[in-house]
Each structure stands twice: as C-alpha cells, then as structure tokens.
C-alpha atoms as a PDB file:
ATOM      1  CA  MET A   1      22.257 113.252 141.276  1.00  0.00           C
ATOM      2  CA  GLU A   2      20.203 110.167 141.816  1.00  0.00           C
ATOM      3  CA  TYR A   3      19.468 109.488 145.484  1.00  0.00           C
ATOM      4  CA  SER A   4      18.614 106.214 147.164  1.00  0.00           C
ATOM      5  CA  THR A   5      15.042 105.680 148.170  1.00  0.00           C
ATOM      6  CA  GLU A   6      14.034 104.883 151.723  1.00  0.00           C
ATOM      7  CA  LYS A   7      13.170 101.338 150.638  1.00  0.00           C
ATOM      8  CA  GLU A   8      16.653 100.806 149.159  1.00  0.00           C
ATOM      9  CA  ILE A   9      18.325 102.056 152.314  1.00  0.00           C
ATOM     10  CA  LEU A  10      16.101 100.093 154.688  1.00  0.00           C
ATOM     11  CA  GLN A  11      16.047  96.849 152.649  1.00  0.00           C
ATOM     12  CA  PRO A  12      18.664  95.081 154.868  1.00  0.00           C
ATOM     13  CA  ILE A  13      16.440  95.603 157.946  1.00  0.00           C
ATOM     14  CA  LEU A  14      13.383  94.370 156.060  1.00  0.00           C
ATOM     15  CA  GLU A  15      15.263  91.237 154.989  1.00  0.00           C
ATOM     16  CA  HIS A  16      17.471  90.517 158.024  1.00  0.00           C
ATOM     17  CA  GLY A  17      15.937  92.377 160.961  1.00  0.00           C
ATOM     18  CA  MET A  18      18.391  93.950 163.392  1.00  0.00           C
ATOM     19  CA  GLU A  19      21.327  92.092 161.778  1.00  0.00           C
ATOM     20  CA  GLY A  20      20.882  94.456 158.822  1.00  0.00           C
ATOM     21  CA  MET A  21      21.253  97.568 160.974  1.00  0.00           C
ATOM     22  CA  SER A  22      25.004  98.002 160.361  1.00  0.00           C
ATOM     23  CA  GLU A  23      24.448  97.992 156.590  1.00  0.00           C
ATOM     24  CA  VAL A  24      21.688 100.608 156.949  1.00  0.00           C
ATOM     25  CA  LEU A  25      23.918 102.874 159.055  1.00  0.00           C
ATOM     26  CA  GLN A  26      26.728 102.438 156.565  1.00  0.00           C
ATOM     27  CA  LYS A  27      24.449 103.480 153.668  1.00  0.00           C
ATOM     28  CA  LEU A  28      23.061 106.468 155.588  1.00  0.00           C
ATOM     29  CA  PHE A  29      26.490 107.789 156.544  1.00  0.00           C
ATOM     30  CA  ASN A  30      27.838 107.384 153.010  1.00  0.00           C
ATOM     31  CA  LEU A  31      24.826 109.223 151.560  1.00  0.00           C
ATOM     32  CA  ALA A  32      25.015 112.003 154.167  1.00  0.00           C
ATOM     33  CA  MET A  33      28.715 112.547 153.440  1.00  0.00           C
ATOM     34  CA  LYS A  34      28.059 112.758 149.672  1.00  0.00           C
ATOM     35  CA  LEU A  35      25.360 115.360 150.280  1.00  0.00           C
ATOM     36  CA  GLU A  36      27.673 117.343 152.524  1.00  0.00           C
ATOM     37  CA  ARG A  37      30.375 117.308 149.832  1.00  0.00           C
ATOM     38  CA  GLU A  38      27.851 118.627 147.283  1.00  0.00           C
ATOM     39  CA  ASN A  39      27.059 121.490 149.662  1.00  0.00           C
ATOM     40  CA  ALA A  40      30.761 122.249 150.174  1.00  0.00           C
ATOM     41  CA  LEU A  41      31.381 122.267 146.399  1.00  0.00           C
ATOM     42  CA  LYS A  42      28.169 124.207 145.715  1.00  0.00           C
ATOM     43  CA  ALA A  43      27.440 121.881 142.799  1.00  0.00           C
ATOM     44  CA  PHE A  44      26.178 118.403 142.004  1.00  0.00           C
ATOM     45  CA  PRO A  45      28.560 115.896 140.411  1.00  0.00           C
ATOM     46  CA  TYR A  46      29.316 116.829 136.779  1.00  0.00           C
ATOM     47  CA  GLN A  47      27.322 120.063 137.134  1.00  0.00           C
ATOM     48  CA  ARG A  48      28.936 123.168 135.665  1.00  0.00           C
ATOM     49  CA  THR A  49      28.120 126.308 137.640  1.00  0.00           C
ATOM     50  CA  GLU A  50      29.828 129.624 138.235  1.00  0.00           C
ATOM     51  CA  GLY A  51      29.457 129.138 142.002  1.00  0.00           C
ATOM     52  CA  ARG A  52      31.393 125.848 142.107  1.00  0.00           C
ATOM     53  CA  THR A  53      34.176 126.058 144.713  1.00  0.00           C
ATOM     54  CA  GLY A  54      36.070 122.860 143.898  1.00  0.00           C
ATOM     55  CA  TYR A  55      35.805 119.359 142.470  1.00  0.00           C
ATOM     56  CA  ALA A  56      34.946 115.894 143.744  1.00  0.00           C
ATOM     57  CA  ASN A  57      38.030 113.708 143.868  1.00  0.00           C
ATOM     58  CA  GLY A  58      36.882 110.179 144.675  1.00  0.00           C
ATOM     59  CA  PHE A  59      36.582 108.467 148.038  1.00  0.00           C
ATOM     60  CA  LYS A  60      38.858 107.170 150.775  1.00  0.00           C
ATOM     61  CA  GLU A  61      37.759 103.985 152.508  1.00  0.00           C
ATOM     62  CA  ARG A  62      37.634 103.942 156.318  1.00  0.00           C
ATOM     63  CA  HIS A  63      36.536 101.208 158.713  1.00  0.00           C
ATOM     64  CA  ILE A  64      34.799 102.162 161.966  1.00  0.00           C
ATOM     65  CA  GLN A  65      34.152  99.644 164.733  1.00  0.00           C
ATOM     66  CA  SER A  66      30.767  99.784 166.462  1.00  0.00           C
ATOM     67  CA  ARG A  67      28.650  97.550 168.691  1.00  0.00           C
ATOM     68  CA  ILE A  68      26.536  96.592 165.714  1.00  0.00           C
ATOM     69  CA  GLY A  69      29.513  95.654 163.560  1.00  0.00           C
ATOM     70  CA  GLU A  70      32.199  97.138 161.399  1.00  0.00           C
ATOM     71  CA  LEU A  71      31.116  99.977 159.128  1.00  0.00           C
ATOM     72  CA  GLU A  72      32.945 100.453 155.842  1.00  0.00           C
ATOM     73  CA  LEU A  73      32.612 104.142 155.068  1.00  0.00           C
ATOM     74  CA  GLN A  74      33.529 105.908 151.837  1.00  0.00           C
ATOM     75  CA  ILE A  75      34.887 109.335 152.860  1.00  0.00           C
ATOM     76  CA  PRO A  76      34.386 111.826 149.984  1.00  0.00           C
ATOM     77  CA  GLN A  77      37.511 113.656 148.841  1.00  0.00           C
ATOM     78  CA  THR A  78      37.761 117.057 147.115  1.00  0.00           C
ATOM     79  CA  ARG A  79      40.192 119.176 145.112  1.00  0.00           C
ATOM     80  CA  ASN A  80      40.644 122.935 145.479  1.00  0.00           C
ATOM     81  CA  VAL A  81      38.472 123.160 148.603  1.00  0.00           C
ATOM     82  CA  GLU A  82      39.101 122.115 152.229  1.00  0.00           C
ATOM     83  CA  PHE A  83      36.553 119.433 153.126  1.00  0.00           C
ATOM     84  CA  TYR A  84      36.080 116.721 155.723  1.00  0.00           C
ATOM     85  CA  PRO A  85      32.615 115.387 156.685  1.00  0.00           C
ATOM     86  CA  SER A  86      31.298 117.025 159.836  1.00  0.00           C
ATOM     87  CA  CYS A  87      29.750 113.725 160.933  1.00  0.00           C
ATOM     88  CA  LEU A  88      33.229 112.280 161.557  1.00  0.00           C
ATOM     89  CA  GLU A  89      36.197 113.386 163.588  1.00  0.00           C
ATOM     90  CA  ARG A  90      39.477 113.201 161.716  1.00  0.00           C
ATOM     91  CA  GLY A  91      41.344 110.028 162.557  1.00  0.00           C
ATOM     92  CA  LEU A  92      38.585 108.664 164.801  1.00  0.00           C
ATOM     93  CA  ARG A  93      37.562 105.135 163.861  1.00  0.00           C
ATOM     94  CA  SER A  94      35.285 104.115 166.714  1.00  0.00           C
ATOM     95  CA  GLU A  95      31.685 104.093 167.811  1.00  0.00           C
ATOM     96  CA  ARG A  96      32.214 107.466 169.451  1.00  0.00           C
ATOM     97  CA  ALA A  97      32.372 109.003 165.969  1.00  0.00           C
ATOM     98  CA  ILE A  98      29.090 107.348 165.035  1.00  0.00           C
ATOM     99  CA  ARG A  99      27.292 108.519 168.174  1.00  0.00           C
ATOM    100  CA  LEU A 100      28.504 112.068 167.605  1.00  0.00           C
ATOM    101  CA  ALA A 101      27.423 111.954 163.965  1.00  0.00           C
ATOM    102  CA  MET A 102      23.964 110.584 164.759  1.00  0.00           C
ATOM    103  CA  ALA A 103      23.424 113.244 167.427  1.00  0.00           C
ATOM    104  CA  GLU A 104      24.543 115.973 165.024  1.00  0.00           C
ATOM    105  CA  MET A 105      22.255 114.701 162.234  1.00  0.00           C
ATOM    106  CA  TYR A 106      19.331 114.583 164.675  1.00  0.00           C
ATOM    107  CA  ILE A 107      19.958 118.134 165.859  1.00  0.00           C
ATOM    108  CA  GLN A 108      20.225 119.437 162.298  1.00  0.00           C
ATOM    109  CA  GLY A 109      17.126 117.511 161.212  1.00  0.00           C
ATOM    110  CA  VAL A 110      18.874 115.480 158.497  1.00  0.00           C
ATOM    111  CA  ALA A 111      16.408 113.142 156.798  1.00  0.00           C
ATOM    112  CA  THR A 112      16.650 110.787 153.857  1.00  0.00           C
END
C-alpha cells in the first residue's frame, strides 16, 4: 500500500497555518484507521495471504465536530471479521472522541 508522506499530510498547515489543522487531523485519523484495518485483516489491500482474516469492504463517512472544525472521517468497513477503529467510540461524533484517539495514539507511539 502506498502511504502519504509527512509533507503531503502537513501541506495544509504549511499553506494555511493553524486554519489547516482540521484537514491535517482528518488525514491522520483516516490513515491511522486504514492501518488499523490492515492489522485486523492481517493483509494489505489486494494482498493474498493464508493468514488473511477477512476483507476490506469500503468506507462509511462520519462527521465529528471539534473546536478546530468539522472532521469528515472515512471509517473503514470489513467483511468476515469484527472491526471498528479503536481511535473512535461507536456512535460518538464529538471532540471527546478525538481527544481519546489522540491520547491513545500518543500512548501507543503511533507515528506517520
């Protein structure tokens, strides 16, 4: 899978300063959720392996309100395996979900 570079992710901040922060958070969360789905499936997209536990099945769009603006997140879906991103609480569409996710990513040492 092709991953975004740090420059691609941070470009909105470089161009728009702090106004670009919501776009950066949106990109980071979407990337982190894709990576988590890969781990749950034990395979990259389109990869054929004996250890694969299920299949990617598109995305479900969710909007989360935060102090820095509305985030449009693409929640990865799966088939044949129970999956929901750990960085979000089911049904929660507020800044509380973002704070919890950022704290969790910090604790686990998630980096781009």
